[in-house]
Amino acid sequence: MRRSVLALDRVMAALLGLILFVAGVGAAAWYQGGLRRWWPSSPGTLSSAGVDDVLDSGWWPWVAAGAGALAVLLGLWWLLAHLPRRGPGLLVLPGSGRPGRLLIDPSGPAEAAAEVLADAPGIRATHSKVRRDRGELVVTLTGTIDPRADLTEVVAATDAVATQLRTVLGRDDARARIQLSVARRARRPARVH
């Protein structure tokens, strides 16, 4: 979700909260009779005659339909703006200029890095995920290591993969996050008969 959508959500929530608070305090003050001290011309009773006149007018159905259509369009925009994004999309590589742009889909190098990491000794399955986090491109590799794995080999493999990934992406804002968990049981070697 973009920061502009989050900012709009916060502003609208604050505005709606303020309107509801003022309306609630005003209704409570009117019901108790204290509203006349602050606003002497406030009515003592409410009449719905004006509302009936508006509802019976010929223009009301068109205005209500237009407001409803606008509300539906705004609601759809709001829902689409809150859909989670699958990834950052295509990235512009350094070296791009006026003659042409060099683009890369970061999910390809991320999947290749996960496969290379899975081939390292002691590491079982790995998965990759690419996303933007606070203006940086973050490639998260998650995997499982064998309980008997040599940790120095695992650390060397993760460092090598992170370095290669940053070299392939060629961007200063690219970061690799590698999260490994230890399997509960060691794998049994396959028996050959």
Protein backbone atom coordinates (compact mmCIF):
# COMPACT_ATOMS: atom_id res chain seq x y z
CA MET A 1 0.00 0.00 0.00
CA ARG A 2 1.34 3.43 -0.90
CA ARG A 3 2.08 6.11 1.70
CA SER A 4 -0.39 8.50 0.03
CA VAL A 5 -3.21 5.97 0.56
CA LEU A 6 -2.21 5.53 4.21
CA ALA A 7 -2.10 9.30 4.69
CA LEU A 8 -5.55 9.67 3.09
CA ASP A 9 -6.91 6.91 5.34
CA ARG A 10 -5.58 8.64 8.44
CA VAL A 11 -6.92 12.06 7.43
CA MET A 12 -10.36 10.65 6.57
CA ALA A 13 -10.52 8.63 9.81
CA ALA A 14 -9.57 11.71 11.86
CA LEU A 15 -12.10 13.88 10.00
CA LEU A 16 -14.89 11.30 10.38
CA GLY A 17 -14.05 10.88 14.06
CA LEU A 18 -14.16 14.64 14.61
CA ILE A 19 -17.50 14.97 12.79
CA LEU A 20 -19.04 12.11 14.80
CA PHE A 21 -17.68 13.54 18.06
CA VAL A 22 -19.09 17.02 17.35
CA ALA A 23 -22.44 15.56 16.25
CA GLY A 24 -22.63 13.39 19.37
CA VAL A 25 -21.79 16.24 21.72
CA GLY A 26 -24.27 18.51 19.89
CA ALA A 27 -27.06 15.90 20.07
CA ALA A 28 -26.43 15.31 23.78
CA ALA A 29 -26.37 19.05 24.48
CA TRP A 30 -29.57 19.59 22.46
CA TYR A 31 -31.33 16.72 24.26
CA GLN A 32 -30.34 18.07 27.68
CA GLY A 33 -31.31 21.63 26.73
CA GLY A 34 -27.79 23.01 27.19
CA LEU A 35 -27.40 23.84 23.51
CA ARG A 36 -29.64 26.94 23.91
CA ARG A 37 -27.01 28.56 26.18
CA TRP A 38 -24.35 28.39 23.44
CA TRP A 39 -26.65 28.74 20.45
CA PRO A 40 -29.83 30.62 21.43
CA SER A 41 -31.46 30.27 17.99
CA SER A 42 -31.32 26.45 18.04
CA PRO A 43 -34.74 24.83 17.55
CA GLY A 44 -36.49 23.26 20.52
CA THR A 45 -38.10 20.57 18.36
CA LEU A 46 -37.22 19.06 15.01
CA SER A 47 -39.62 18.78 12.07
CA SER A 48 -39.26 16.44 9.10
CA ALA A 49 -41.51 18.51 6.82
CA GLY A 50 -38.54 19.91 4.87
CA VAL A 51 -37.17 16.42 4.32
CA ASP A 52 -40.51 15.25 2.91
CA ASP A 53 -40.55 18.18 0.48
CA VAL A 54 -37.05 17.31 -0.78
CA LEU A 55 -37.88 13.61 -1.19
CA ASP A 56 -41.02 14.45 -3.18
CA SER A 57 -39.21 16.80 -5.59
CA GLY A 58 -38.44 15.69 -9.15
CA TRP A 59 -34.67 16.22 -8.96
CA TRP A 60 -34.10 14.08 -5.85
CA PRO A 61 -33.89 10.64 -7.60
CA TRP A 62 -31.23 11.94 -9.99
CA VAL A 63 -29.15 13.47 -7.22
CA ALA A 64 -29.47 10.30 -5.12
CA ALA A 65 -28.46 8.12 -8.10
CA GLY A 66 -25.46 10.35 -8.85
CA ALA A 67 -24.36 10.33 -5.21
CA GLY A 68 -24.77 6.55 -5.09
CA ALA A 69 -22.72 6.05 -8.26
CA LEU A 70 -20.01 8.36 -6.91
CA ALA A 71 -19.99 6.45 -3.61
CA VAL A 72 -19.63 3.13 -5.47
CA LEU A 73 -16.73 4.47 -7.58
CA LEU A 74 -14.96 5.87 -4.51
CA GLY A 75 -15.49 2.59 -2.68
CA LEU A 76 -14.03 0.59 -5.56
CA TRP A 77 -11.04 2.92 -5.77
CA TRP A 78 -10.52 2.59 -2.01
CA LEU A 79 -10.66 -1.22 -2.20
CA LEU A 80 -8.26 -1.35 -5.17
CA ALA A 81 -5.85 1.03 -3.44
CA HIS A 82 -5.74 -1.33 -0.45
CA LEU A 83 -5.02 -4.49 -2.43
CA PRO A 84 -1.63 -5.90 -1.48
CA ARG A 85 0.96 -5.60 -4.16
CA ARG A 86 2.71 -8.75 -5.29
CA GLY A 87 6.05 -7.06 -5.85
CA PRO A 88 7.76 -3.88 -6.86
CA GLY A 89 7.37 -4.60 -10.58
CA LEU A 90 10.07 -3.81 -13.12
CA LEU A 91 13.11 -1.92 -11.88
CA VAL A 92 15.31 0.47 -13.83
CA LEU A 93 18.95 -0.62 -13.74
CA PRO A 94 21.94 1.71 -13.54
CA GLY A 95 23.26 2.60 -16.97
CA SER A 96 19.83 3.53 -18.29
CA GLY A 97 19.78 6.77 -20.19
CA ARG A 98 18.20 8.61 -23.08
CA PRO A 99 18.87 5.92 -25.71
CA GLY A 100 17.00 3.29 -23.72
CA ARG A 101 16.16 1.89 -20.34
CA LEU A 102 17.49 -1.29 -18.83
CA LEU A 103 14.74 -3.05 -16.87
CA ILE A 104 14.81 -6.09 -14.60
CA ASP A 105 12.10 -8.08 -12.89
CA PRO A 106 13.57 -8.69 -9.40
CA SER A 107 11.55 -11.86 -8.85
CA GLY A 108 13.74 -13.77 -11.34
CA PRO A 109 17.07 -13.12 -9.56
CA ALA A 110 15.35 -13.69 -6.21
CA GLU A 111 14.13 -17.14 -7.28
CA ALA A 112 17.59 -17.97 -8.68
CA ALA A 113 19.18 -16.90 -5.39
CA ALA A 114 16.76 -19.15 -3.49
CA GLU A 115 17.71 -22.09 -5.73
CA VAL A 116 21.45 -21.44 -5.27
CA LEU A 117 20.98 -21.21 -1.51
CA ALA A 118 18.98 -24.45 -1.47
CA ASP A 119 21.91 -26.21 -3.18
CA ALA A 120 24.31 -25.22 -0.38
CA PRO A 121 25.28 -28.03 2.02
CA GLY A 122 23.02 -28.27 5.07
CA ILE A 123 20.23 -26.11 3.64
CA ARG A 124 16.99 -27.77 2.64
CA ALA A 125 14.19 -25.85 0.92
CA THR A 126 14.20 -22.08 0.39
CA HIS A 127 11.65 -19.57 -0.88
CA SER A 128 12.00 -15.99 -2.07
CA LYS A 129 9.83 -12.90 -1.76
CA VAL A 130 10.47 -9.40 -3.14
CA ARG A 131 8.89 -6.26 -1.75
CA ARG A 132 9.48 -2.59 -1.10
CA ASP A 133 10.06 -1.57 2.50
CA ARG A 134 10.69 2.06 3.44
CA GLY A 135 12.01 2.98 0.03
CA GLU A 136 14.33 0.00 -0.28
CA LEU A 137 14.03 -3.16 -2.34
CA VAL A 138 14.09 -6.10 0.08
CA VAL A 139 14.59 -9.65 -1.16
CA THR A 140 13.67 -12.06 1.62
CA LEU A 141 14.95 -15.61 1.38
CA THR A 142 13.46 -18.04 3.90
CA GLY A 143 14.68 -21.54 4.33
CA THR A 144 15.25 -24.52 6.61
CA ILE A 145 18.60 -25.91 7.64
CA ASP A 146 19.42 -29.39 8.82
CA PRO A 147 20.10 -29.66 12.60
CA ARG A 148 23.47 -31.28 11.85
CA ALA A 149 24.55 -28.58 9.36
CA ASP A 150 27.89 -26.83 9.78
CA LEU A 151 26.96 -23.24 10.63
CA THR A 152 30.16 -21.77 9.19
CA GLU A 153 29.29 -23.31 5.81
CA VAL A 154 25.73 -22.03 6.07
CA VAL A 155 26.89 -18.49 6.91
CA ALA A 156 29.41 -18.55 4.06
CA ALA A 157 26.71 -19.70 1.63
CA THR A 158 24.24 -17.01 2.75
CA ASP A 159 26.91 -14.28 2.50
CA ALA A 160 27.86 -15.44 -1.01
CA VAL A 161 24.23 -15.52 -2.17
CA ALA A 162 23.49 -12.07 -0.71
CA THR A 163 26.56 -10.60 -2.42
CA GLN A 164 25.72 -12.21 -5.76
CA LEU A 165 22.11 -11.04 -5.53
CA ARG A 166 23.15 -7.45 -4.93
CA THR A 167 25.61 -7.65 -7.84
CA VAL A 168 22.95 -9.04 -10.19
CA LEU A 169 20.37 -6.42 -9.23
CA GLY A 170 22.99 -3.65 -9.49
CA ARG A 171 21.08 -1.27 -7.24
CA ASP A 172 22.19 0.58 -4.12
CA ASP A 173 18.71 0.30 -2.58
CA ALA A 174 18.64 -3.53 -2.81
CA ARG A 175 18.89 -5.49 0.43
CA ALA A 176 18.89 -9.22 1.09
CA ARG A 177 17.21 -10.60 4.20
CA ILE A 178 17.87 -14.28 4.84
CA GLN A 179 15.80 -16.04 7.49
CA LEU A 180 16.70 -19.62 8.30
CA SER A 181 15.01 -21.95 10.75
CA VAL A 182 16.33 -25.25 12.03
CA ALA A 183 14.40 -28.40 11.13
CA ARG A 184 13.12 -30.50 14.02
CA ARG A 185 14.66 -33.71 12.77
CA ALA A 186 17.66 -34.53 10.69
CA ARG A 187 17.02 -36.12 7.33
CA ARG A 188 17.61 -39.81 7.16
CA PRO A 189 19.82 -40.95 4.32
CA ALA A 190 17.97 -42.78 1.57
CA ARG A 191 18.33 -46.56 1.67
CA VAL A 192 19.36 -48.32 -1.49
CA HIS A 193 18.32 -51.97 -1.85
